[in-house]
Amino acid sequence: MILIIAIGIGTLFGIALYQMLQRNVIRSAIGVILLGSAINLFLLTAGNSNGTGPAYSTVTETQVDPLPQALVLTAIVISMGGLAFILAMLYIISARYQTGNLDEIDNLKH
C-alpha cells in the first residue's frame, strides 16, 4: 500500500513540475497548486505512525502523532495565501498584456 501511495505522490509531483515549467502562467499556477498538494500528501505519509487512537483523547490506546496533521494544516493555509498572491499577479499580467503566454509578453525586464 505504501508503494502505491509513493508512486501516486511521485506522479503528482512530476505533473506539478511539468506544469510549472510551461510558458503559460495559468498552467504554472495550476502546477503550484499541485505541488502544494503533493508536498502535503508527502508530509502526511511520512508522519504516519502505527497509532490506533485519536491524537487528543484520554483513550489508553497508542495515539497517533498530531504533529504531521498540524504541519499540513499550516501548509494549507500558507499555500492558499501564496495562491491568492499568484492569482492576483496573474490577473494584473493578463489585464495589462491581454495574454497569459509569457512568450507573447514584451518588456517584462524593464
N, C-alpha and C. Protein backbone atom coordinates (compact mmCIF):
# COMPACT_ATOMS: atom_id res chain seq x y z
N MET A 1 0.82 -1.19 0.00
CA MET A 1 0.00 0.00 0.00
C MET A 1 0.87 1.27 0.00
N ILE A 2 1.97 1.20 0.73
CA ILE A 2 2.86 2.36 0.79
C ILE A 2 3.49 2.62 -0.57
N LEU A 3 3.78 1.55 -1.32
CA LEU A 3 4.36 1.71 -2.66
C LEU A 3 3.38 2.43 -3.59
N ILE A 4 2.11 2.11 -3.51
CA ILE A 4 1.10 2.77 -4.35
C ILE A 4 0.99 4.24 -3.99
N ILE A 5 1.02 4.55 -2.70
CA ILE A 5 0.95 5.95 -2.26
C ILE A 5 2.19 6.70 -2.73
N ALA A 6 3.37 6.07 -2.62
CA ALA A 6 4.61 6.72 -3.05
C ALA A 6 4.60 6.98 -4.56
N ILE A 7 4.11 6.03 -5.33
CA ILE A 7 4.02 6.23 -6.78
C ILE A 7 3.04 7.36 -7.11
N GLY A 8 1.92 7.40 -6.39
CA GLY A 8 0.94 8.47 -6.61
C GLY A 8 1.50 9.84 -6.27
N ILE A 9 2.22 9.95 -5.16
CA ILE A 9 2.81 11.23 -4.77
C ILE A 9 3.89 11.64 -5.77
N GLY A 10 4.70 10.69 -6.21
CA GLY A 10 5.74 10.99 -7.20
C GLY A 10 5.15 11.43 -8.53
N THR A 11 4.07 10.79 -8.94
CA THR A 11 3.39 11.18 -10.17
C THR A 11 2.81 12.58 -10.07
N LEU A 12 2.17 12.87 -8.94
CA LEU A 12 1.61 14.20 -8.72
C LEU A 12 2.71 15.26 -8.71
N PHE A 13 3.84 14.94 -8.09
CA PHE A 13 4.97 15.86 -8.05
C PHE A 13 5.52 16.10 -9.45
N GLY A 14 5.64 15.03 -10.26
CA GLY A 14 6.14 15.17 -11.61
C GLY A 14 5.22 15.99 -12.50
N ILE A 15 3.91 15.77 -12.36
CA ILE A 15 2.94 16.56 -13.13
C ILE A 15 3.01 18.02 -12.73
N ALA A 16 3.19 18.27 -11.43
CA ALA A 16 3.29 19.65 -10.95
C ALA A 16 4.52 20.34 -11.52
N LEU A 17 5.65 19.66 -11.52
CA LEU A 17 6.86 20.27 -12.09
C LEU A 17 6.71 20.52 -13.58
N TYR A 18 6.09 19.59 -14.30
CA TYR A 18 5.88 19.78 -15.73
C TYR A 18 5.00 21.00 -15.98
N GLN A 19 3.94 21.16 -15.19
CA GLN A 19 3.05 22.31 -15.37
C GLN A 19 3.74 23.61 -15.01
N MET A 20 4.61 23.58 -14.00
CA MET A 20 5.30 24.81 -13.60
C MET A 20 6.32 25.27 -14.63
N LEU A 21 6.83 24.35 -15.44
CA LEU A 21 7.82 24.71 -16.45
C LEU A 21 7.19 25.16 -17.77
N GLN A 22 5.88 25.18 -17.86
CA GLN A 22 5.20 25.65 -19.06
C GLN A 22 5.31 27.18 -19.15
N ARG A 23 5.19 27.71 -20.34
CA ARG A 23 5.29 29.16 -20.53
C ARG A 23 3.96 29.87 -20.28
N ASN A 24 2.90 29.14 -20.08
CA ASN A 24 1.60 29.74 -19.80
C ASN A 24 1.49 29.93 -18.28
N VAL A 25 1.16 31.15 -17.86
CA VAL A 25 1.15 31.44 -16.43
C VAL A 25 -0.02 30.76 -15.72
N ILE A 26 -1.10 30.47 -16.42
CA ILE A 26 -2.22 29.76 -15.80
C ILE A 26 -1.81 28.32 -15.48
N ARG A 27 -1.11 27.68 -16.40
CA ARG A 27 -0.62 26.32 -16.14
C ARG A 27 0.42 26.32 -15.02
N SER A 28 1.21 27.37 -14.94
CA SER A 28 2.18 27.46 -13.86
C SER A 28 1.48 27.59 -12.51
N ALA A 29 0.38 28.33 -12.46
CA ALA A 29 -0.38 28.45 -11.22
C ALA A 29 -1.00 27.10 -10.84
N ILE A 30 -1.48 26.36 -11.82
CA ILE A 30 -2.01 25.02 -11.55
C ILE A 30 -0.91 24.11 -11.03
N GLY A 31 0.29 24.26 -11.57
CA GLY A 31 1.44 23.49 -11.10
C GLY A 31 1.78 23.79 -9.65
N VAL A 32 1.66 25.05 -9.25
CA VAL A 32 1.92 25.41 -7.86
C VAL A 32 0.89 24.77 -6.94
N ILE A 33 -0.35 24.74 -7.36
CA ILE A 33 -1.40 24.10 -6.55
C ILE A 33 -1.12 22.61 -6.41
N LEU A 34 -0.77 21.94 -7.53
CA LEU A 34 -0.48 20.52 -7.48
C LEU A 34 0.76 20.21 -6.65
N LEU A 35 1.76 21.09 -6.72
CA LEU A 35 2.97 20.89 -5.93
C LEU A 35 2.67 20.98 -4.44
N GLY A 36 1.84 21.93 -4.06
CA GLY A 36 1.44 22.03 -2.65
C GLY A 36 0.69 20.80 -2.18
N SER A 37 -0.16 20.26 -3.04
CA SER A 37 -0.89 19.04 -2.68
C SER A 37 0.05 17.84 -2.55
N ALA A 38 1.03 17.74 -3.44
CA ALA A 38 1.99 16.64 -3.37
C ALA A 38 2.83 16.73 -2.10
N ILE A 39 3.23 17.91 -1.73
CA ILE A 39 4.02 18.08 -0.51
C ILE A 39 3.19 17.76 0.72
N ASN A 40 1.94 18.18 0.73
CA ASN A 40 1.07 17.87 1.87
C ASN A 40 0.85 16.37 2.01
N LEU A 41 0.62 15.69 0.89
CA LEU A 41 0.46 14.24 0.94
C LEU A 41 1.74 13.55 1.40
N PHE A 42 2.88 14.07 0.98
CA PHE A 42 4.15 13.51 1.43
C PHE A 42 4.33 13.67 2.93
N LEU A 43 4.00 14.85 3.45
CA LEU A 43 4.14 15.08 4.89
C LEU A 43 3.22 14.17 5.69
N LEU A 44 2.00 13.99 5.22
CA LEU A 44 1.08 13.10 5.93
C LEU A 44 1.55 11.65 5.87
N THR A 45 2.06 11.24 4.73
CA THR A 45 2.52 9.86 4.59
C THR A 45 3.79 9.62 5.42
N ALA A 46 4.70 10.59 5.41
CA ALA A 46 5.94 10.43 6.16
C ALA A 46 5.68 10.44 7.67
N GLY A 47 4.66 11.14 8.10
CA GLY A 47 4.35 11.22 9.52
C GLY A 47 3.40 10.16 9.99
N ASN A 48 3.06 9.21 9.14
CA ASN A 48 2.14 8.16 9.52
C ASN A 48 2.78 7.25 10.55
N SER A 49 2.03 6.96 11.58
CA SER A 49 2.52 6.05 12.62
C SER A 49 1.52 4.92 12.82
N ASN A 50 1.86 3.99 13.63
CA ASN A 50 1.02 2.83 13.86
C ASN A 50 0.01 3.05 14.97
N GLY A 51 -0.22 4.28 15.36
CA GLY A 51 -1.19 4.55 16.41
C GLY A 51 -2.60 4.27 15.95
N THR A 52 -3.42 3.81 16.87
CA THR A 52 -4.80 3.49 16.52
C THR A 52 -5.79 4.45 17.17
N GLY A 53 -5.39 5.13 18.21
CA GLY A 53 -6.28 6.05 18.90
C GLY A 53 -6.18 7.45 18.34
N PRO A 54 -7.16 8.29 18.63
CA PRO A 54 -7.09 9.67 18.16
C PRO A 54 -5.96 10.44 18.84
N ALA A 55 -5.56 11.54 18.24
CA ALA A 55 -4.40 12.27 18.73
C ALA A 55 -4.65 12.89 20.10
N TYR A 56 -5.79 13.50 20.30
CA TYR A 56 -6.07 14.20 21.55
C TYR A 56 -7.25 13.53 22.24
N SER A 57 -6.98 12.58 23.08
CA SER A 57 -8.04 11.94 23.83
C SER A 57 -7.44 11.27 25.07
N THR A 58 -8.30 10.74 25.90
CA THR A 58 -7.84 10.05 27.11
C THR A 58 -7.87 8.54 26.94
N VAL A 59 -7.98 8.08 25.70
CA VAL A 59 -8.01 6.64 25.41
C VAL A 59 -6.63 6.06 25.70
N THR A 60 -6.59 4.85 26.22
CA THR A 60 -5.31 4.24 26.58
C THR A 60 -4.63 3.55 25.40
N GLU A 61 -5.20 3.60 24.21
CA GLU A 61 -4.58 3.01 23.02
C GLU A 61 -3.37 3.84 22.61
N THR A 62 -2.59 3.29 21.71
CA THR A 62 -1.46 4.04 21.17
C THR A 62 -1.99 5.18 20.32
N GLN A 63 -1.58 6.39 20.68
CA GLN A 63 -2.11 7.56 19.98
C GLN A 63 -1.23 7.91 18.78
N VAL A 64 -1.87 8.47 17.76
CA VAL A 64 -1.13 8.91 16.58
C VAL A 64 -0.45 10.24 16.89
N ASP A 65 0.58 10.53 16.11
CA ASP A 65 1.32 11.77 16.30
C ASP A 65 0.55 12.92 15.66
N PRO A 66 0.21 13.97 16.42
CA PRO A 66 -0.56 15.08 15.84
C PRO A 66 0.29 16.09 15.07
N LEU A 67 1.61 16.00 15.16
CA LEU A 67 2.46 16.99 14.51
C LEU A 67 2.33 17.02 12.99
N PRO A 68 2.33 15.89 12.28
CA PRO A 68 2.17 15.97 10.82
C PRO A 68 0.83 16.59 10.40
N GLN A 69 -0.22 16.31 11.16
CA GLN A 69 -1.52 16.90 10.84
C GLN A 69 -1.49 18.41 11.03
N ALA A 70 -0.82 18.87 12.08
CA ALA A 70 -0.70 20.31 12.31
C ALA A 70 0.15 20.98 11.24
N LEU A 71 1.22 20.30 10.82
CA LEU A 71 2.06 20.85 9.76
C LEU A 71 1.30 20.98 8.45
N VAL A 72 0.50 19.99 8.13
CA VAL A 72 -0.26 20.03 6.88
C VAL A 72 -1.32 21.12 6.93
N LEU A 73 -1.99 21.27 8.06
CA LEU A 73 -2.98 22.35 8.17
C LEU A 73 -2.32 23.72 8.01
N THR A 74 -1.15 23.90 8.60
CA THR A 74 -0.42 25.15 8.44
C THR A 74 0.01 25.34 6.99
N ALA A 75 0.47 24.28 6.36
CA ALA A 75 0.90 24.37 4.95
C ALA A 75 -0.27 24.71 4.03
N ILE A 76 -1.45 24.19 4.33
CA ILE A 76 -2.62 24.51 3.51
C ILE A 76 -2.95 25.98 3.60
N VAL A 77 -2.91 26.54 4.80
CA VAL A 77 -3.21 27.97 4.97
C VAL A 77 -2.18 28.83 4.25
N ILE A 78 -0.91 28.48 4.39
CA ILE A 78 0.14 29.27 3.74
C ILE A 78 0.05 29.15 2.22
N SER A 79 -0.25 27.95 1.71
CA SER A 79 -0.35 27.79 0.27
C SER A 79 -1.55 28.53 -0.30
N MET A 80 -2.63 28.64 0.45
CA MET A 80 -3.78 29.41 -0.04
C MET A 80 -3.44 30.90 -0.11
N GLY A 81 -2.66 31.40 0.84
CA GLY A 81 -2.20 32.79 0.77
C GLY A 81 -1.30 33.02 -0.42
N GLY A 82 -0.38 32.08 -0.66
CA GLY A 82 0.50 32.19 -1.83
C GLY A 82 -0.26 32.09 -3.13
N LEU A 83 -1.26 31.22 -3.16
CA LEU A 83 -2.08 31.09 -4.36
C LEU A 83 -2.88 32.37 -4.63
N ALA A 84 -3.37 33.00 -3.59
CA ALA A 84 -4.09 34.27 -3.78
C ALA A 84 -3.16 35.32 -4.37
N PHE A 85 -1.91 35.35 -3.91
CA PHE A 85 -0.94 36.30 -4.46
C PHE A 85 -0.64 35.99 -5.92
N ILE A 86 -0.46 34.71 -6.25
CA ILE A 86 -0.18 34.31 -7.63
C ILE A 86 -1.35 34.67 -8.54
N LEU A 87 -2.57 34.42 -8.08
CA LEU A 87 -3.74 34.75 -8.90
C LEU A 87 -3.89 36.26 -9.09
N ALA A 88 -3.53 37.04 -8.07
CA ALA A 88 -3.58 38.49 -8.21
C ALA A 88 -2.56 38.97 -9.25
N MET A 89 -1.36 38.40 -9.20
CA MET A 89 -0.35 38.76 -10.19
C MET A 89 -0.76 38.30 -11.59
N LEU A 90 -1.38 37.14 -11.68
CA LEU A 90 -1.88 36.65 -12.97
C LEU A 90 -2.95 37.57 -13.53
N TYR A 91 -3.81 38.07 -12.68
CA TYR A 91 -4.85 39.00 -13.13
C TYR A 91 -4.23 40.30 -13.64
N ILE A 92 -3.23 40.80 -12.94
CA ILE A 92 -2.58 42.05 -13.37
C ILE A 92 -1.87 41.85 -14.70
N ILE A 93 -1.16 40.75 -14.86
CA ILE A 93 -0.45 40.48 -16.12
C ILE A 93 -1.43 40.31 -17.27
N SER A 94 -2.51 39.56 -17.04
CA SER A 94 -3.46 39.35 -18.14
C SER A 94 -4.24 40.61 -18.46
N ALA A 95 -4.50 41.46 -17.49
CA ALA A 95 -5.20 42.72 -17.78
C ALA A 95 -4.29 43.70 -18.51
N ARG A 96 -3.03 43.72 -18.16
CA ARG A 96 -2.11 44.67 -18.77
C ARG A 96 -1.68 44.24 -20.17
N TYR A 97 -1.38 42.96 -20.37
CA TYR A 97 -0.84 42.50 -21.64
C TYR A 97 -1.84 41.73 -22.49
N GLN A 98 -3.03 41.48 -22.00
CA GLN A 98 -4.10 40.80 -22.73
C GLN A 98 -3.71 39.38 -23.16
N THR A 99 -2.83 38.72 -22.42
CA THR A 99 -2.43 37.35 -22.72
C THR A 99 -1.91 36.68 -21.46
N GLY A 100 -1.90 35.36 -21.49
CA GLY A 100 -1.33 34.61 -20.38
C GLY A 100 -0.07 33.87 -20.77
N ASN A 101 0.37 34.03 -22.02
CA ASN A 101 1.56 33.36 -22.51
C ASN A 101 2.77 34.26 -22.31
N LEU A 102 3.80 33.75 -21.64
CA LEU A 102 4.97 34.57 -21.34
C LEU A 102 5.80 34.87 -22.58
N ASP A 103 5.69 34.07 -23.63
CA ASP A 103 6.43 34.34 -24.86
C ASP A 103 5.89 35.56 -25.59
N GLU A 104 4.62 35.85 -25.41
CA GLU A 104 4.00 36.98 -26.10
C GLU A 104 4.11 38.29 -25.32
N ILE A 105 4.58 38.22 -24.10
CA ILE A 105 4.69 39.43 -23.28
C ILE A 105 6.08 40.03 -23.47
N ASP A 106 6.11 41.30 -23.84
CA ASP A 106 7.37 42.03 -24.00
C ASP A 106 7.57 42.97 -22.81
N ASN A 107 8.78 43.39 -22.64
CA ASN A 107 9.15 44.41 -21.65
C ASN A 107 8.93 43.97 -20.20
N LEU A 108 9.06 42.69 -19.91
CA LEU A 108 8.95 42.25 -18.51
C LEU A 108 10.22 42.58 -17.73
N LYS A 109 11.34 42.76 -18.42
CA LYS A 109 12.60 43.02 -17.75
C LYS A 109 12.79 44.49 -17.39
N HIS A 110 11.95 45.35 -17.89
CA HIS A 110 12.10 46.79 -17.64
C HIS A 110 11.44 47.18 -16.38
